[in-house]
Amino acid sequence: METVQARPAAGIFWMVVTGLCFVMVTALVKLLGGRVPAAESAFLRYVLGLVFLLPAWRSLRSLSLSRRQWGLVGVRGVTQTLGVLCWFFAMTRIPLAEVTAMNYLTPIYVTILAVFVLGERLAIRRVLAIVVALGGALLILRPGFRELDPGHFAMLGTAALFSISYLAAKILSGEMSPALVVAMLSITVTIGLAPFAAAVWVTPGWYDLAVLFGVACFATGGHYAMTLAFAAAPVTITQPVTFLQLVWSVTLGAVFFNEPVDLWVVAGGVIIMGSVLFITLREARLKKRVTPDSPETKL
């Protein structure tokens, strides 16, 4: 534990790298535009990403799971599949900053679900933090003050579905190695996305395939960098750095995609991130964290 706390600079550095990787994931998906349908884009991203599973192939062949574990793998595969579909759809509809800001809701959903799934207590301070976070979401959406796009509803669904996937992963990670948990997720999501992709299939060009391979590379790199960040420093140090993802998303959207800077979205993202940080610090103090280590793009 002393080693972890003695390397805060390394933890912050790797979390910065994590954020840059995940923002590049969203930017590359945005770059595709509507040339490749969302379901097909998601499927190809996972198919191309299977190359990163080759080192774990031997362990996968000898893997033996109980019926309960297969059930958890299945639940995670289904919810992650639907969440990825919603996320790719949202990316084609709404600005980068709104996607990033609304993705911060995932830890809030997890906090709520943990009460029913894991039997966690919901103290009054956490209840207030959740209420504040939902207020931040309303600032971003502003229903009644502007027309909401289907992409906004897709992102609300994305955060909820990813929270279920996270809880399943939390349980599995105590029974399987992290590498196998990730490998099983990649395989089940690839299978789950296949029929959706087949239904809307459009033969992609080499450029689009290259972009999607870039998405797979940055997503894998982001998760690896995150692992290094958490190994180097406590979550209380690395968590605040994740807010930079919103800053970079706003910048990329404005510079490369001509998306106007919406101060309401930035304010809502700050409020949600503040609530997530409060819950994380609170749980770290109690030595009983149930929320995700970061509002990561789980792609």
Protein backbone atom coordinates (compact mmCIF):
# COMPACT_ATOMS: atom_id res chain seq x y z
CA MET A 1 0.00 0.00 0.00
CA GLU A 2 2.88 2.33 0.73
CA THR A 3 4.26 1.75 -2.76
CA VAL A 4 0.92 2.72 -4.32
CA GLN A 5 0.67 5.93 -2.33
CA ALA A 6 4.32 6.80 -3.02
CA ARG A 7 3.72 7.15 -6.79
CA PRO A 8 0.95 9.73 -7.22
CA ALA A 9 2.67 11.35 -10.21
CA ALA A 10 2.71 8.04 -12.07
CA GLY A 11 -0.95 7.43 -11.23
CA ILE A 12 -1.94 10.87 -12.51
CA PHE A 13 0.17 10.42 -15.67
CA TRP A 14 -1.41 7.09 -16.56
CA MET A 15 -4.90 8.42 -15.85
CA VAL A 16 -4.20 11.33 -18.21
CA VAL A 17 -3.17 8.78 -20.85
CA THR A 18 -6.36 6.83 -20.09
CA GLY A 19 -8.51 9.89 -20.67
CA LEU A 20 -6.75 10.75 -23.93
CA CYS A 21 -7.24 7.20 -25.21
CA PHE A 22 -10.95 7.17 -24.38
CA VAL A 23 -11.51 10.60 -25.92
CA MET A 24 -9.77 9.36 -29.08
CA VAL A 25 -12.20 6.44 -29.11
CA THR A 26 -15.16 8.82 -29.17
CA ALA A 27 -13.50 11.11 -31.72
CA LEU A 28 -12.73 8.25 -34.13
CA VAL A 29 -16.28 6.91 -33.88
CA LYS A 30 -17.54 10.43 -34.55
CA LEU A 31 -15.21 10.61 -37.55
CA LEU A 32 -17.03 7.67 -39.15
CA GLY A 33 -20.20 9.73 -39.26
CA GLY A 34 -23.07 7.70 -40.72
CA ARG A 35 -21.05 5.85 -43.36
CA VAL A 36 -21.11 2.64 -41.34
CA PRO A 37 -24.27 1.83 -39.33
CA ALA A 38 -23.84 2.02 -35.55
CA ALA A 39 -24.44 -1.70 -34.98
CA GLU A 40 -21.93 -2.66 -37.68
CA SER A 41 -19.34 -0.19 -36.36
CA ALA A 42 -19.65 -1.65 -32.88
CA PHE A 43 -19.37 -5.21 -34.20
CA LEU A 44 -16.29 -4.48 -36.32
CA ARG A 45 -14.64 -2.70 -33.40
CA TYR A 46 -14.97 -5.85 -31.29
CA VAL A 47 -14.00 -8.23 -34.10
CA LEU A 48 -10.84 -6.24 -34.79
CA GLY A 49 -10.16 -6.08 -31.08
CA LEU A 50 -10.14 -9.89 -30.77
CA VAL A 51 -6.52 -9.82 -31.90
CA PHE A 52 -5.64 -8.56 -28.42
CA LEU A 53 -7.05 -11.78 -26.91
CA LEU A 54 -4.44 -14.03 -28.54
CA PRO A 55 -2.17 -14.05 -25.44
CA ALA A 56 -5.11 -15.30 -23.34
CA TRP A 57 -6.21 -18.03 -25.80
CA ARG A 58 -4.58 -20.91 -23.89
CA SER A 59 -6.26 -19.86 -20.64
CA LEU A 60 -9.61 -19.54 -22.40
CA ARG A 61 -9.38 -23.07 -23.78
CA SER A 62 -8.94 -24.52 -20.30
CA LEU A 63 -11.50 -22.24 -18.64
CA SER A 64 -14.16 -23.99 -16.55
CA LEU A 65 -17.06 -21.93 -15.21
CA SER A 66 -19.93 -22.80 -12.89
CA ARG A 67 -23.54 -22.32 -14.00
CA ARG A 68 -23.73 -19.19 -11.85
CA GLN A 69 -20.58 -17.76 -13.43
CA TRP A 70 -21.90 -18.48 -16.92
CA GLY A 71 -25.06 -16.63 -15.92
CA LEU A 72 -23.05 -13.59 -14.83
CA VAL A 73 -21.00 -13.73 -18.04
CA GLY A 74 -24.24 -13.87 -20.01
CA VAL A 75 -25.82 -10.96 -18.14
CA ARG A 76 -22.71 -8.88 -18.66
CA GLY A 77 -22.50 -9.82 -22.33
CA VAL A 78 -26.14 -8.87 -23.01
CA THR A 79 -26.08 -5.57 -21.12
CA GLN A 80 -22.69 -4.57 -22.56
CA THR A 81 -23.90 -5.43 -26.07
CA LEU A 82 -27.00 -3.25 -25.75
CA GLY A 83 -24.99 -0.49 -24.04
CA VAL A 84 -22.40 -0.44 -26.84
CA LEU A 85 -25.17 -0.29 -29.46
CA CYS A 86 -26.71 2.71 -27.68
CA TRP A 87 -23.31 4.40 -27.31
CA PHE A 88 -22.36 4.05 -30.97
CA PHE A 89 -25.82 5.33 -31.95
CA ALA A 90 -25.51 8.32 -29.61
CA MET A 91 -22.11 9.19 -31.06
CA THR A 92 -23.71 9.72 -34.47
CA ARG A 93 -26.44 11.99 -33.05
CA ILE A 94 -25.13 14.29 -30.30
CA PRO A 95 -21.91 16.27 -29.59
CA LEU A 96 -18.81 14.68 -28.08
CA ALA A 97 -19.08 16.75 -24.92
CA GLU A 98 -22.63 15.57 -24.22
CA VAL A 99 -21.66 11.93 -24.71
CA THR A 100 -18.73 12.32 -22.31
CA ALA A 101 -20.69 14.27 -19.69
CA MET A 102 -23.61 11.83 -19.67
CA ASN A 103 -21.22 8.90 -19.42
CA TYR A 104 -20.34 10.18 -15.92
CA LEU A 105 -23.80 8.95 -14.84
CA THR A 106 -22.63 5.32 -14.88
CA PRO A 107 -21.11 5.43 -11.35
CA ILE A 108 -24.33 7.02 -10.07
CA TYR A 109 -26.43 4.19 -11.52
CA VAL A 110 -24.01 1.66 -10.01
CA THR A 111 -24.39 3.25 -6.58
CA ILE A 112 -28.17 2.87 -6.82
CA LEU A 113 -28.08 -0.69 -8.20
CA ALA A 114 -25.57 -1.81 -5.57
CA VAL A 115 -28.27 -1.27 -2.93
CA PHE A 116 -30.51 -3.88 -4.58
CA VAL A 117 -27.90 -6.24 -6.01
CA LEU A 118 -25.14 -6.19 -3.39
CA GLY A 119 -27.20 -5.16 -0.36
CA GLU A 120 -25.22 -1.96 0.21
CA ARG A 121 -26.57 0.73 2.54
CA LEU A 122 -27.43 4.07 0.99
CA ALA A 123 -26.48 6.72 3.53
CA ILE A 124 -28.10 10.15 3.40
CA ARG A 125 -24.94 11.81 2.06
CA ARG A 126 -24.81 9.41 -0.86
CA VAL A 127 -28.51 9.97 -1.51
CA LEU A 128 -27.89 13.72 -1.67
CA ALA A 129 -24.90 13.19 -4.00
CA ILE A 130 -27.11 11.11 -6.31
CA VAL A 131 -29.80 13.79 -6.32
CA VAL A 132 -27.20 16.44 -7.18
CA ALA A 133 -25.82 14.26 -9.99
CA LEU A 134 -29.30 13.79 -11.45
CA GLY A 135 -29.68 17.56 -11.29
CA GLY A 136 -26.48 17.80 -13.36
CA ALA A 137 -28.01 15.44 -15.91
CA LEU A 138 -31.08 17.68 -16.14
CA LEU A 139 -28.77 20.66 -16.79
CA ILE A 140 -27.26 18.78 -19.73
CA LEU A 141 -30.60 17.63 -21.15
CA ARG A 142 -32.69 20.69 -20.26
CA PRO A 143 -36.02 19.03 -21.12
CA GLY A 144 -38.67 21.56 -22.03
CA PHE A 145 -36.05 24.15 -23.00
CA ARG A 146 -34.76 22.40 -26.10
CA GLU A 147 -35.69 19.47 -28.31
CA LEU A 148 -34.12 16.26 -27.10
CA ASP A 149 -32.50 13.97 -29.64
CA PRO A 150 -32.84 10.16 -29.57
CA GLY A 151 -29.09 10.19 -28.89
CA HIS A 152 -29.72 11.72 -25.46
CA PHE A 153 -32.07 8.88 -24.52
CA ALA A 154 -29.56 6.40 -25.94
CA MET A 155 -26.88 7.78 -23.61
CA LEU A 156 -29.18 7.51 -20.59
CA GLY A 157 -29.67 3.86 -21.56
CA THR A 158 -25.95 3.40 -22.13
CA ALA A 159 -25.04 4.53 -18.62
CA ALA A 160 -27.72 2.30 -17.07
CA LEU A 161 -26.71 -0.77 -19.10
CA PHE A 162 -23.00 -0.26 -18.42
CA SER A 163 -23.73 -0.04 -14.70
CA ILE A 164 -25.30 -3.52 -14.77
CA SER A 165 -22.32 -4.80 -16.73
CA TYR A 166 -19.98 -3.27 -14.15
CA LEU A 167 -21.72 -4.96 -11.22
CA ALA A 168 -21.51 -8.33 -12.97
CA ALA A 169 -17.81 -7.70 -13.61
CA LYS A 170 -17.31 -6.73 -9.96
CA ILE A 171 -18.64 -10.10 -8.85
CA LEU A 172 -16.72 -12.06 -11.50
CA SER A 173 -13.44 -10.25 -10.79
CA GLY A 174 -13.41 -11.83 -7.34
CA GLU A 175 -13.59 -15.30 -8.89
CA MET A 176 -11.63 -14.99 -12.17
CA SER A 177 -8.50 -13.18 -13.32
CA PRO A 178 -9.07 -9.68 -14.79
CA ALA A 179 -7.66 -10.84 -18.15
CA LEU A 180 -10.25 -13.62 -18.41
CA VAL A 181 -13.08 -11.29 -17.37
CA VAL A 182 -12.13 -8.90 -20.18
CA ALA A 183 -11.64 -11.76 -22.65
CA MET A 184 -15.06 -13.26 -21.94
CA LEU A 185 -16.63 -9.84 -22.32
CA SER A 186 -15.00 -9.29 -25.72
CA ILE A 187 -16.14 -12.69 -26.99
CA THR A 188 -19.73 -12.45 -25.74
CA VAL A 189 -20.19 -8.89 -27.02
CA THR A 190 -18.80 -9.83 -30.44
CA ILE A 191 -21.30 -12.69 -30.65
CA GLY A 192 -24.12 -10.49 -29.34
CA LEU A 193 -23.47 -7.73 -31.87
CA ALA A 194 -23.25 -10.09 -34.87
CA PRO A 195 -27.01 -10.34 -35.64
CA PHE A 196 -27.50 -6.59 -35.23
CA ALA A 197 -24.62 -5.92 -37.62
CA ALA A 198 -25.88 -8.47 -40.15
CA ALA A 199 -29.29 -6.78 -40.23
CA VAL A 200 -27.82 -3.44 -41.39
CA TRP A 201 -24.63 -4.62 -43.09
CA VAL A 202 -22.87 -2.24 -45.45
CA THR A 203 -19.52 -3.30 -46.88
CA PRO A 204 -17.00 -0.95 -45.24
CA GLY A 205 -14.08 0.63 -47.05
CA TRP A 206 -10.46 0.21 -46.03
CA TYR A 207 -10.44 3.67 -44.48
CA ASP A 208 -13.40 2.88 -42.24
CA LEU A 209 -11.80 -0.42 -41.21
CA ALA A 210 -8.61 1.43 -40.33
CA VAL A 211 -10.56 3.91 -38.20
CA LEU A 212 -12.37 1.09 -36.39
CA PHE A 213 -9.08 -0.71 -35.75
CA GLY A 214 -7.83 2.55 -34.28
CA VAL A 215 -10.90 2.55 -32.01
CA ALA A 216 -10.01 -0.98 -30.85
CA CYS A 217 -6.38 0.01 -30.23
CA PHE A 218 -7.22 3.14 -28.24
CA ALA A 219 -9.92 1.35 -26.22
CA THR A 220 -7.50 -1.45 -25.29
CA GLY A 221 -4.74 1.05 -24.54
CA GLY A 222 -7.10 3.07 -22.36
CA HIS A 223 -8.06 0.09 -20.23
CA TYR A 224 -4.41 -0.94 -19.88
CA ALA A 225 -3.35 2.58 -18.91
CA MET A 226 -6.17 2.69 -16.36
CA THR A 227 -4.90 -0.53 -14.80
CA LEU A 228 -1.42 1.03 -14.49
CA ALA A 229 -2.93 4.18 -12.94
CA PHE A 230 -4.81 2.24 -10.27
CA ALA A 231 -1.70 0.17 -9.53
CA ALA A 232 0.39 3.32 -9.07
CA ALA A 233 -1.89 5.47 -6.90
CA PRO A 234 -5.13 5.37 -4.87
CA VAL A 235 -8.39 6.13 -6.65
CA THR A 236 -8.75 9.29 -4.56
CA ILE A 237 -5.78 10.69 -6.49
CA THR A 238 -6.63 9.39 -9.96
CA GLN A 239 -10.40 10.04 -9.89
CA PRO A 240 -10.29 13.87 -10.30
CA VAL A 241 -8.11 13.51 -13.41
CA THR A 242 -10.99 11.85 -15.28
CA PHE A 243 -12.68 15.26 -15.51
CA LEU A 244 -10.10 16.19 -18.15
CA GLN A 245 -11.98 13.89 -20.55
CA LEU A 246 -14.78 16.44 -20.66
CA VAL A 247 -12.30 19.26 -21.33
CA TRP A 248 -10.72 17.34 -24.20
CA SER A 249 -14.11 16.32 -25.60
CA VAL A 250 -15.26 19.95 -25.66
CA THR A 251 -12.02 20.98 -27.34
CA LEU A 252 -12.06 18.21 -29.95
CA GLY A 253 -15.72 18.80 -30.72
CA ALA A 254 -15.18 22.53 -31.23
CA VAL A 255 -11.94 22.30 -33.24
CA PHE A 256 -12.51 19.25 -35.44
CA PHE A 257 -16.28 18.79 -35.60
CA ASN A 258 -17.50 22.42 -35.41
CA GLU A 259 -19.58 21.67 -32.31
CA PRO A 260 -20.36 24.83 -30.32
CA VAL A 261 -19.24 24.89 -26.68
CA ASP A 262 -22.36 24.46 -24.55
CA LEU A 263 -21.71 25.89 -21.08
CA TRP A 264 -24.80 24.11 -19.72
CA VAL A 265 -23.29 20.76 -20.74
CA VAL A 266 -19.95 21.67 -19.15
CA ALA A 267 -21.70 22.79 -15.94
CA GLY A 268 -23.78 19.62 -15.82
CA GLY A 269 -20.68 17.49 -16.35
CA VAL A 270 -18.85 19.30 -13.54
CA ILE A 271 -21.78 18.71 -11.17
CA ILE A 272 -22.03 15.01 -12.02
CA MET A 273 -18.27 14.54 -11.76
CA GLY A 274 -18.27 16.35 -8.41
CA SER A 275 -20.94 13.98 -7.11
CA VAL A 276 -19.00 10.96 -8.35
CA LEU A 277 -15.84 12.28 -6.68
CA PHE A 278 -17.69 12.84 -3.40
CA ILE A 279 -19.05 9.27 -3.41
CA THR A 280 -15.61 7.86 -4.31
CA LEU A 281 -13.86 9.80 -1.54
CA ARG A 282 -16.57 8.79 0.92
CA GLU A 283 -16.27 5.11 0.02
CA ALA A 284 -12.47 5.23 0.12
CA ARG A 285 -12.68 6.70 3.61
CA LEU A 286 -14.98 3.91 4.66
CA LYS A 287 -12.75 1.38 2.87
CA LYS A 288 -15.77 0.01 1.05
CA ARG A 289 -16.00 1.27 -2.55
CA VAL A 290 -18.96 0.16 -4.67
CA THR A 291 -18.83 2.78 -7.40
CA PRO A 292 -16.69 2.43 -10.56
CA ASP A 293 -13.12 3.67 -10.30
CA SER A 294 -13.83 6.10 -13.11
CA PRO A 295 -16.55 7.01 -15.61
CA GLU A 296 -14.67 5.07 -18.22
CA THR A 297 -15.77 4.54 -21.87
CA LYS A 298 -16.28 0.77 -21.66
CA LEU A 299 -15.80 0.00 -25.25
